[in-house]
Amino acid sequence: MCKWIIRGFIAAYLAAVFLMLVGTFGWFGQPTDPLSGVFVVILGFPWTLLVDLAPERFWPILAALTPIANILILRGFCRAISRT
């Protein structure tokens, strides 16, 4: 069950990053949207709150990478459960 949850989270993360890129760069004829990264921010919460500590030029990259922390936490949690 844990593997499917992690796979679902990864699929949601990849979809959110794709939507962010489409909205940011206007791919496929879409108008640019400043809120296109909101799903990435939600998936990376609470780590996205720490992005403000870095220099402002790194904010978009760090915000896009924060969901990876949650994926690693889920993976560690699933491994700990499977050992018991």
PDB file of N, CA and C in Angstrom:
ATOM      1  N   MET A   1       0.828  -1.193   0.000  1.00  0.00           N
ATOM      2  CA  MET A   1       0.000   0.000   0.000  1.00  0.00           C
ATOM      3  C   MET A   1       0.876   1.263   0.000  1.00  0.00           C
ATOM      4  N   CYS A   2       1.958   1.223   0.770  1.00  0.00           N
ATOM      5  CA  CYS A   2       2.837   2.387   0.862  1.00  0.00           C
ATOM      6  C   CYS A   2       3.447   2.732  -0.498  1.00  0.00           C
ATOM      7  N   LYS A   3       3.827   1.726  -1.241  1.00  0.00           N
ATOM      8  CA  LYS A   3       4.436   1.981  -2.546  1.00  0.00           C
ATOM      9  C   LYS A   3       3.471   2.723  -3.465  1.00  0.00           C
ATOM     10  N   TRP A   4       2.198   2.379  -3.403  1.00  0.00           N
ATOM     11  CA  TRP A   4       1.205   3.042  -4.238  1.00  0.00           C
ATOM     12  C   TRP A   4       0.973   4.480  -3.808  1.00  0.00           C
ATOM     13  N   ILE A   5       1.045   4.744  -2.519  1.00  0.00           N
ATOM     14  CA  ILE A   5       0.895   6.112  -2.034  1.00  0.00           C
ATOM     15  C   ILE A   5       2.069   6.960  -2.510  1.00  0.00           C
ATOM     16  N   ILE A   6       3.261   6.410  -2.410  1.00  0.00           N
ATOM     17  CA  ILE A   6       4.446   7.141  -2.864  1.00  0.00           C
ATOM     18  C   ILE A   6       4.387   7.364  -4.375  1.00  0.00           C
ATOM     19  N   ARG A   7       3.993   6.355  -5.111  1.00  0.00           N
ATOM     20  CA  ARG A   7       3.868   6.505  -6.566  1.00  0.00           C
ATOM     21  C   ARG A   7       2.822   7.555  -6.926  1.00  0.00           C
ATOM     22  N   GLY A   8       1.721   7.575  -6.208  1.00  0.00           N
ATOM     23  CA  GLY A   8       0.689   8.586  -6.442  1.00  0.00           C
ATOM     24  C   GLY A   8       1.190   9.990  -6.142  1.00  0.00           C
ATOM     25  N   PHE A   9       1.965  10.120  -5.058  1.00  0.00           N
ATOM     26  CA  PHE A   9       2.529  11.422  -4.707  1.00  0.00           C
ATOM     27  C   PHE A   9       3.523  11.878  -5.773  1.00  0.00           C
ATOM     28  N   ILE A  10       4.337  10.951  -6.256  1.00  0.00           N
ATOM     29  CA  ILE A  10       5.293  11.294  -7.315  1.00  0.00           C
ATOM     30  C   ILE A  10       4.560  11.699  -8.594  1.00  0.00           C
ATOM     31  N   ALA A  11       3.491  10.984  -8.930  1.00  0.00           N
ATOM     32  CA  ALA A  11       2.711  11.335 -10.123  1.00  0.00           C
ATOM     33  C   ALA A  11       2.084  12.720  -9.967  1.00  0.00           C
ATOM     34  N   ALA A  12       1.563  13.027  -8.780  1.00  0.00           N
ATOM     35  CA  ALA A  12       0.989  14.349  -8.533  1.00  0.00           C
ATOM     36  C   ALA A  12       2.059  15.431  -8.613  1.00  0.00           C
ATOM     37  N   TYR A  13       3.247  15.121  -8.109  1.00  0.00           N
ATOM     38  CA  TYR A  13       4.358  16.076  -8.162  1.00  0.00           C
ATOM     39  C   TYR A  13       4.766  16.359  -9.601  1.00  0.00           C
ATOM     40  N   LEU A  14       4.914  15.322 -10.401  1.00  0.00           N
ATOM     41  CA  LEU A  14       5.300  15.512 -11.801  1.00  0.00           C
ATOM     42  C   LEU A  14       4.232  16.292 -12.566  1.00  0.00           C
ATOM     43  N   ALA A  15       2.965  16.003 -12.302  1.00  0.00           N
ATOM     44  CA  ALA A  15       1.887  16.751 -12.951  1.00  0.00           C
ATOM     45  C   ALA A  15       1.903  18.218 -12.522  1.00  0.00           C
ATOM     46  N   ALA A  16       2.155  18.469 -11.245  1.00  0.00           N
ATOM     47  CA  ALA A  16       2.195  19.848 -10.750  1.00  0.00           C
ATOM     48  C   ALA A  16       3.360  20.619 -11.356  1.00  0.00           C
ATOM     49  N   VAL A  17       4.520  19.978 -11.479  1.00  0.00           N
ATOM     50  CA  VAL A  17       5.666  20.643 -12.097  1.00  0.00           C
ATOM     51  C   VAL A  17       5.377  20.919 -13.575  1.00  0.00           C
ATOM     52  N   PHE A  18       4.748  19.982 -14.251  1.00  0.00           N
ATOM     53  CA  PHE A  18       4.392  20.196 -15.653  1.00  0.00           C
ATOM     54  C   PHE A  18       3.432  21.379 -15.796  1.00  0.00           C
ATOM     55  N   LEU A  19       2.406  21.437 -14.944  1.00  0.00           N
ATOM     56  CA  LEU A  19       1.461  22.554 -14.998  1.00  0.00           C
ATOM     57  C   LEU A  19       2.143  23.884 -14.672  1.00  0.00           C
ATOM     58  N   MET A  20       3.092  23.845 -13.751  1.00  0.00           N
ATOM     59  CA  MET A  20       3.825  25.061 -13.417  1.00  0.00           C
ATOM     60  C   MET A  20       4.639  25.546 -14.621  1.00  0.00           C
ATOM     61  N   LEU A  21       5.299  24.633 -15.299  1.00  0.00           N
ATOM     62  CA  LEU A  21       6.090  25.011 -16.466  1.00  0.00           C
ATOM     63  C   LEU A  21       5.212  25.531 -17.599  1.00  0.00           C
ATOM     64  N   VAL A  22       4.067  24.896 -17.806  1.00  0.00           N
ATOM     65  CA  VAL A  22       3.151  25.347 -18.852  1.00  0.00           C
ATOM     66  C   VAL A  22       2.638  26.748 -18.531  1.00  0.00           C
ATOM     67  N   GLY A  23       2.264  26.979 -17.279  1.00  0.00           N
ATOM     68  CA  GLY A  23       1.743  28.290 -16.901  1.00  0.00           C
ATOM     69  C   GLY A  23       2.809  29.366 -16.829  1.00  0.00           C
ATOM     70  N   THR A  24       4.024  28.995 -16.488  1.00  0.00           N
ATOM     71  CA  THR A  24       5.092  29.984 -16.359  1.00  0.00           C
ATOM     72  C   THR A  24       5.609  30.429 -17.721  1.00  0.00           C
ATOM     73  N   PHE A  25       5.821  29.480 -18.615  1.00  0.00           N
ATOM     74  CA  PHE A  25       6.422  29.802 -19.906  1.00  0.00           C
ATOM     75  C   PHE A  25       5.415  29.915 -21.046  1.00  0.00           C
ATOM     76  N   GLY A  26       4.135  29.676 -20.786  1.00  0.00           N
ATOM     77  CA  GLY A  26       3.112  29.831 -21.805  1.00  0.00           C
ATOM     78  C   GLY A  26       3.162  28.794 -22.904  1.00  0.00           C
ATOM     79  N   TRP A  27       3.567  27.577 -22.546  1.00  0.00           N
ATOM     80  CA  TRP A  27       3.617  26.508 -23.545  1.00  0.00           C
ATOM     81  C   TRP A  27       2.218  26.163 -24.038  1.00  0.00           C
ATOM     82  N   PHE A  28       2.138  25.597 -25.217  1.00  0.00           N
ATOM     83  CA  PHE A  28       0.889  25.136 -25.834  1.00  0.00           C
ATOM     84  C   PHE A  28      -0.126  26.262 -26.005  1.00  0.00           C
ATOM     85  N   GLY A  29       0.357  27.491 -26.127  1.00  0.00           N
ATOM     86  CA  GLY A  29      -0.538  28.623 -26.350  1.00  0.00           C
ATOM     87  C   GLY A  29      -1.266  29.115 -25.114  1.00  0.00           C
ATOM     88  N   GLN A  30      -0.893  28.626 -23.950  1.00  0.00           N
ATOM     89  CA  GLN A  30      -1.540  29.062 -22.714  1.00  0.00           C
ATOM     90  C   GLN A  30      -1.007  30.430 -22.297  1.00  0.00           C
ATOM     91  N   PRO A  31      -1.875  31.279 -21.740  1.00  0.00           N
ATOM     92  CA  PRO A  31      -1.362  32.555 -21.223  1.00  0.00           C
ATOM     93  C   PRO A  31      -0.535  32.311 -19.963  1.00  0.00           C
ATOM     94  N   THR A  32       0.457  33.143 -19.738  1.00  0.00           N
ATOM     95  CA  THR A  32       1.275  32.983 -18.538  1.00  0.00           C
ATOM     96  C   THR A  32       0.440  33.317 -17.309  1.00  0.00           C
ATOM     97  N   ASP A  33       0.674  32.570 -16.246  1.00  0.00           N
ATOM     98  CA  ASP A  33      -0.122  32.698 -15.032  1.00  0.00           C
ATOM     99  C   ASP A  33       0.815  32.735 -13.830  1.00  0.00           C
ATOM    100  N   PRO A  34       0.752  33.773 -13.016  1.00  0.00           N
ATOM    101  CA  PRO A  34       1.645  33.839 -11.853  1.00  0.00           C
ATOM    102  C   PRO A  34       1.327  32.810 -10.777  1.00  0.00           C
ATOM    103  N   LEU A  35       0.153  32.226 -10.808  1.00  0.00           N
ATOM    104  CA  LEU A  35      -0.232  31.234  -9.804  1.00  0.00           C
ATOM    105  C   LEU A  35      -0.103  29.802 -10.303  1.00  0.00           C
ATOM    106  N   SER A  36       0.659  29.602 -11.357  1.00  0.00           N
ATOM    107  CA  SER A  36       0.754  28.260 -11.933  1.00  0.00           C
ATOM    108  C   SER A  36       1.502  27.281 -11.039  1.00  0.00           C
ATOM    109  N   GLY A  37       2.298  27.746 -10.097  1.00  0.00           N
ATOM    110  CA  GLY A  37       3.056  26.863  -9.220  1.00  0.00           C
ATOM    111  C   GLY A  37       2.384  26.562  -7.905  1.00  0.00           C
ATOM    112  N   VAL A  38       1.117  26.891  -7.762  1.00  0.00           N
ATOM    113  CA  VAL A  38       0.443  26.719  -6.472  1.00  0.00           C
ATOM    114  C   VAL A  38       0.365  25.246  -6.067  1.00  0.00           C
ATOM    115  N   PHE A  39       0.219  24.345  -7.004  1.00  0.00           N
ATOM    116  CA  PHE A  39       0.128  22.927  -6.657  1.00  0.00           C
ATOM    117  C   PHE A  39       1.463  22.381  -6.161  1.00  0.00           C
ATOM    118  N   VAL A  40       2.549  22.878  -6.734  1.00  0.00           N
ATOM    119  CA  VAL A  40       3.873  22.473  -6.262  1.00  0.00           C
ATOM    120  C   VAL A  40       4.088  22.967  -4.837  1.00  0.00           C
ATOM    121  N   VAL A  41       3.650  24.171  -4.556  1.00  0.00           N
ATOM    122  CA  VAL A  41       3.786  24.735  -3.212  1.00  0.00           C
ATOM    123  C   VAL A  41       2.990  23.913  -2.209  1.00  0.00           C
ATOM    124  N   ILE A  42       1.791  23.515  -2.582  1.00  0.00           N
ATOM    125  CA  ILE A  42       0.949  22.710  -1.685  1.00  0.00           C
ATOM    126  C   ILE A  42       1.578  21.350  -1.429  1.00  0.00           C
ATOM    127  N   LEU A  43       2.115  20.716  -2.453  1.00  0.00           N
ATOM    128  CA  LEU A  43       2.746  19.405  -2.273  1.00  0.00           C
ATOM    129  C   LEU A  43       4.030  19.484  -1.457  1.00  0.00           C
ATOM    130  N   GLY A  44       4.676  20.634  -1.457  1.00  0.00           N
ATOM    131  CA  GLY A  44       5.917  20.799  -0.718  1.00  0.00           C
ATOM    132  C   GLY A  44       5.750  21.355   0.676  1.00  0.00           C
ATOM    133  N   PHE A  45       4.519  21.626   1.064  1.00  0.00           N
ATOM    134  CA  PHE A  45       4.283  22.186   2.393  1.00  0.00           C
ATOM    135  C   PHE A  45       4.658  21.169   3.455  1.00  0.00           C
ATOM    136  N   PRO A  46       5.286  21.492   4.520  1.00  0.00           N
ATOM    137  CA  PRO A  46       5.621  22.757   5.152  1.00  0.00           C
ATOM    138  C   PRO A  46       6.995  23.283   4.773  1.00  0.00           C
ATOM    139  N   TRP A  47       7.728  22.560   3.931  1.00  0.00           N
ATOM    140  CA  TRP A  47       9.098  22.957   3.605  1.00  0.00           C
ATOM    141  C   TRP A  47       9.147  24.209   2.750  1.00  0.00           C
ATOM    142  N   THR A  48       8.062  24.528   2.067  1.00  0.00           N
ATOM    143  CA  THR A  48       8.044  25.747   1.262  1.00  0.00           C
ATOM    144  C   THR A  48       8.127  27.003   2.136  1.00  0.00           C
ATOM    145  N   LEU A  49       7.791  26.872   3.396  1.00  0.00           N
ATOM    146  CA  LEU A  49       7.906  28.021   4.301  1.00  0.00           C
ATOM    147  C   LEU A  49       9.364  28.391   4.564  1.00  0.00           C
ATOM    148  N   LEU A  50      10.267  27.449   4.375  1.00  0.00           N
ATOM    149  CA  LEU A  50      11.693  27.696   4.597  1.00  0.00           C
ATOM    150  C   LEU A  50      12.393  28.297   3.384  1.00  0.00           C
ATOM    151  N   VAL A  51      11.718  28.339   2.254  1.00  0.00           N
ATOM    152  CA  VAL A  51      12.318  28.862   1.029  1.00  0.00           C
ATOM    153  C   VAL A  51      12.681  30.343   1.197  1.00  0.00           C
ATOM    154  N   ASP A  52      11.932  31.064   2.009  1.00  0.00           N
ATOM    155  CA  ASP A  52      12.202  32.491   2.215  1.00  0.00           C
ATOM    156  C   ASP A  52      13.556  32.761   2.843  1.00  0.00           C
ATOM    157  N   LEU A  53      14.174  31.763   3.429  1.00  0.00           N
ATOM    158  CA  LEU A  53      15.476  31.953   4.057  1.00  0.00           C
ATOM    159  C   LEU A  53      16.615  32.033   3.038  1.00  0.00           C
ATOM    160  N   ALA A  54      16.366  31.553   1.839  1.00  0.00           N
ATOM    161  CA  ALA A  54      17.376  31.576   0.776  1.00  0.00           C
ATOM    162  C   ALA A  54      17.285  32.900   0.003  1.00  0.00           C
ATOM    163  N   PRO A  55      18.318  33.229  -0.763  1.00  0.00           N
ATOM    164  CA  PRO A  55      18.236  34.423  -1.615  1.00  0.00           C
ATOM    165  C   PRO A  55      17.071  34.313  -2.603  1.00  0.00           C
ATOM    166  N   GLU A  56      16.489  35.440  -2.917  1.00  0.00           N
ATOM    167  CA  GLU A  56      15.256  35.467  -3.710  1.00  0.00           C
ATOM    168  C   GLU A  56      15.407  34.840  -5.094  1.00  0.00           C
ATOM    169  N   ARG A  57      16.576  34.889  -5.674  1.00  0.00           N
ATOM    170  CA  ARG A  57      16.744  34.330  -7.017  1.00  0.00           C
ATOM    171  C   ARG A  57      16.612  32.811  -7.036  1.00  0.00           C
ATOM    172  N   PHE A  58      16.763  32.152  -5.868  1.00  0.00           N
ATOM    173  CA  PHE A  58      16.644  30.692  -5.787  1.00  0.00           C
ATOM    174  C   PHE A  58      15.243  30.227  -5.396  1.00  0.00           C
ATOM    175  N   TRP A  59      14.351  31.133  -5.097  1.00  0.00           N
ATOM    176  CA  TRP A  59      13.022  30.758  -4.619  1.00  0.00           C
ATOM    177  C   TRP A  59      12.262  29.832  -5.566  1.00  0.00           C
ATOM    178  N   PRO A  60      12.180  30.116  -6.867  1.00  0.00           N
ATOM    179  CA  PRO A  60      11.402  29.212  -7.735  1.00  0.00           C
ATOM    180  C   PRO A  60      11.976  27.796  -7.783  1.00  0.00           C
ATOM    181  N   ILE A  61      13.289  27.695  -7.832  1.00  0.00           N
ATOM    182  CA  ILE A  61      13.918  26.372  -7.905  1.00  0.00           C
ATOM    183  C   ILE A  61      13.705  25.608  -6.608  1.00  0.00           C
ATOM    184  N   LEU A  62      13.927  26.274  -5.487  1.00  0.00           N
ATOM    185  CA  LEU A  62      13.749  25.608  -4.190  1.00  0.00           C
ATOM    186  C   LEU A  62      12.297  25.222  -3.948  1.00  0.00           C
ATOM    187  N   ALA A  63      11.384  26.088  -4.342  1.00  0.00           N
ATOM    188  CA  ALA A  63       9.958  25.763  -4.176  1.00  0.00           C
ATOM    189  C   ALA A  63       9.569  24.551  -5.019  1.00  0.00           C
ATOM    190  N   ALA A  64      10.167  24.426  -6.189  1.00  0.00           N
ATOM    191  CA  ALA A  64       9.868  23.279  -7.049  1.00  0.00           C
ATOM    192  C   ALA A  64      10.477  21.992  -6.513  1.00  0.00           C
ATOM    193  N   LEU A  65      11.530  22.096  -5.706  1.00  0.00           N
ATOM    194  CA  LEU A  65      12.191  20.905  -5.180  1.00  0.00           C
ATOM    195  C   LEU A  65      11.684  20.477  -3.801  1.00  0.00           C
ATOM    196  N   THR A  66      10.917  21.316  -3.124  1.00  0.00           N
ATOM    197  CA  THR A  66      10.476  20.969  -1.772  1.00  0.00           C
ATOM    198  C   THR A  66       9.601  19.714  -1.685  1.00  0.00           C
ATOM    199  N   PRO A  67       8.772  19.387  -2.669  1.00  0.00           N
ATOM    200  CA  PRO A  67       8.019  18.140  -2.549  1.00  0.00           C
ATOM    201  C   PRO A  67       8.903  16.896  -2.479  1.00  0.00           C
ATOM    202  N   ILE A  68      10.120  16.988  -2.959  1.00  0.00           N
ATOM    203  CA  ILE A  68      11.032  15.842  -2.889  1.00  0.00           C
ATOM    204  C   ILE A  68      11.310  15.493  -1.428  1.00  0.00           C
ATOM    205  N   ALA A  69      11.371  16.490  -0.560  1.00  0.00           N
ATOM    206  CA  ALA A  69      11.559  16.224   0.869  1.00  0.00           C
ATOM    207  C   ALA A  69      10.406  15.397   1.420  1.00  0.00           C
ATOM    208  N   ASN A  70       9.185  15.725   1.019  1.00  0.00           N
ATOM    209  CA  ASN A  70       8.039  14.947   1.478  1.00  0.00           C
ATOM    210  C   ASN A  70       8.051  13.529   0.909  1.00  0.00           C
ATOM    211  N   ILE A  71       8.518  13.374  -0.302  1.00  0.00           N
ATOM    212  CA  ILE A  71       8.630  12.034  -0.888  1.00  0.00           C
ATOM    213  C   ILE A  71       9.637  11.205  -0.097  1.00  0.00           C
ATOM    214  N   LEU A  72      10.759  11.806   0.251  1.00  0.00           N
ATOM    215  CA  LEU A  72      11.768  11.080   1.030  1.00  0.00           C
ATOM    216  C   LEU A  72      11.259  10.731   2.433  1.00  0.00           C
ATOM    217  N   ILE A  73      10.498  11.619   3.039  1.00  0.00           N
ATOM    218  CA  ILE A  73       9.917  11.330   4.355  1.00  0.00           C
ATOM    219  C   ILE A  73       8.922  10.182   4.251  1.00  0.00           C
ATOM    220  N   LEU A  74       8.076  10.199   3.232  1.00  0.00           N
ATOM    221  CA  LEU A  74       7.127   9.092   3.027  1.00  0.00           C
ATOM    222  C   LEU A  74       7.859   7.778   2.803  1.00  0.00           C
ATOM    223  N   ARG A  75       8.906   7.829   2.032  1.00  0.00           N
ATOM    224  CA  ARG A  75       9.688   6.616   1.755  1.00  0.00           C
ATOM    225  C   ARG A  75      10.309   6.064   3.035  1.00  0.00           C
ATOM    226  N   GLY A  76      10.889   6.942   3.858  1.00  0.00           N
ATOM    227  CA  GLY A  76      11.457   6.496   5.132  1.00  0.00           C
ATOM    228  C   GLY A  76      10.408   5.949   6.077  1.00  0.00           C
ATOM    229  N   PHE A  77       9.260   6.581   6.100  1.00  0.00           N
ATOM    230  CA  PHE A  77       8.161   6.105   6.940  1.00  0.00           C
ATOM    231  C   PHE A  77       7.698   4.719   6.500  1.00  0.00           C
ATOM    232  N   CYS A  78       7.576   4.532   5.200  1.00  0.00           N
ATOM    233  CA  CYS A  78       7.153   3.221   4.683  1.00  0.00           C
ATOM    234  C   CYS A  78       8.186   2.147   4.976  1.00  0.00           C
ATOM    235  N   ARG A  79       9.460   2.479   4.882  1.00  0.00           N
ATOM    236  CA  ARG A  79      10.498   1.509   5.208  1.00  0.00           C
ATOM    237  C   ARG A  79      10.472   1.136   6.696  1.00  0.00           C
ATOM    238  N   ALA A  80      10.240   2.127   7.544  1.00  0.00           N
ATOM    239  CA  ALA A  80      10.173   1.862   8.983  1.00  0.00           C
ATOM    240  C   ALA A  80       8.978   0.973   9.321  1.00  0.00           C
ATOM    241  N   ILE A  81       7.865   1.192   8.653  1.00  0.00           N
ATOM    242  CA  ILE A  81       6.675   0.363   8.898  1.00  0.00           C
ATOM    243  C   ILE A  81       6.905  -1.058   8.419  1.00  0.00           C
ATOM    244  N   SER A  82       7.553  -1.213   7.271  1.00  0.00           N
ATOM    245  CA  SER A  82       7.742  -2.553   6.720  1.00  0.00           C
ATOM    246  C   SER A  82       8.709  -3.390   7.529  1.00  0.00           C
ATOM    247  N   ARG A  83       9.564  -2.759   8.318  1.00  0.00           N
ATOM    248  CA  ARG A  83      10.506  -3.500   9.159  1.00  0.00           C
ATOM    249  C   ARG A  83       9.861  -4.060  10.406  1.00  0.00           C
ATOM    250  N   THR A  84       8.758  -3.495  10.823  1.00  0.00           N
ATOM    251  CA  THR A  84       8.108  -3.978  12.042  1.00  0.00           C
ATOM    252  C   THR A  84       7.168  -5.105  11.796  1.00  0.00           C
TER     253      THR A  84
END
